[in-house]
């Protein structure tokens, strides 16, 4: 299952995104695809295990 997110980046962050995309040679990806890869990688780095919830719905890391 997937969840759709929609958000805006500042002009400065958009420039950073496309600069990194170019430097990493990911020219076959769209800006959105590359941004998704970056976000997924960062989320995994910050939280490598899939979080669980307790009986109250609070996340347990």
Protein backbone atom coordinates (compact mmCIF):
# COMPACT_ATOMS: atom_id res chain seq x y z
CA UNK A 1 0.00 0.00 0.00
CA UNK A 2 1.19 3.54 -0.68
CA UNK A 3 0.18 6.96 0.59
CA UNK A 4 0.15 10.03 -1.61
CA UNK A 5 1.75 13.18 -0.19
CA UNK A 6 1.63 16.57 -1.84
CA UNK A 7 3.78 19.46 -0.68
CA UNK A 8 5.75 22.39 -2.02
CA UNK A 9 9.50 23.01 -1.82
CA UNK A 10 11.01 26.45 -1.72
CA UNK A 11 12.85 27.62 -4.82
CA UNK A 12 16.13 27.16 -2.95
CA UNK A 13 15.34 23.56 -1.99
CA UNK A 14 14.16 22.84 -5.52
CA UNK A 15 17.55 24.00 -6.80
CA UNK A 16 19.26 21.76 -4.22
CA UNK A 17 17.12 18.80 -5.30
CA UNK A 18 17.93 19.16 -8.99
CA UNK A 19 21.60 19.83 -8.26
CA UNK A 20 21.84 16.60 -6.24
CA UNK A 21 19.84 14.71 -8.86
CA UNK A 22 22.31 15.85 -11.50
CA UNK A 23 25.41 15.13 -9.36
CA UNK A 24 24.22 11.59 -8.59
CA UNK A 25 23.48 10.85 -12.25
CA UNK A 26 19.80 10.14 -11.63
CA UNK A 27 18.80 11.81 -14.89
CA UNK A 28 16.36 9.00 -15.68
CA UNK A 29 14.17 10.07 -12.72
CA UNK A 30 11.74 12.96 -12.50
CA UNK A 31 12.19 15.50 -9.71
CA UNK A 32 9.30 13.88 -7.83
CA UNK A 33 10.77 10.39 -8.15
CA UNK A 34 14.16 11.55 -6.94
CA UNK A 35 12.60 13.49 -4.03
CA UNK A 36 10.69 10.33 -3.05
CA UNK A 37 13.94 8.34 -3.03
CA UNK A 38 15.64 10.98 -0.87
CA UNK A 39 12.76 11.07 1.59
CA UNK A 40 12.56 7.28 1.82
CA UNK A 41 16.32 7.04 2.44
CA UNK A 42 16.21 9.73 5.13
CA UNK A 43 13.19 8.19 6.85
CA UNK A 44 14.92 4.81 6.95
CA UNK A 45 18.10 6.44 8.30
CA UNK A 46 16.15 8.17 11.08
CA UNK A 47 13.94 5.18 11.88
CA UNK A 48 15.35 1.90 10.50
CA UNK A 49 12.81 -0.31 12.26
CA UNK A 50 9.14 -0.14 11.39
CA UNK A 51 7.45 1.61 14.33
CA UNK A 52 4.82 -0.22 16.36
CA UNK A 53 1.91 1.27 18.26
CA UNK A 54 0.79 0.61 21.79
CA UNK A 55 -2.80 -0.06 22.83
CA UNK A 56 -3.47 3.71 22.76
CA UNK A 57 -2.19 4.21 19.23
CA UNK A 58 1.05 5.91 20.33
CA UNK A 59 4.13 5.07 18.28
CA UNK A 60 6.86 3.02 19.90
CA UNK A 61 10.28 3.43 18.31
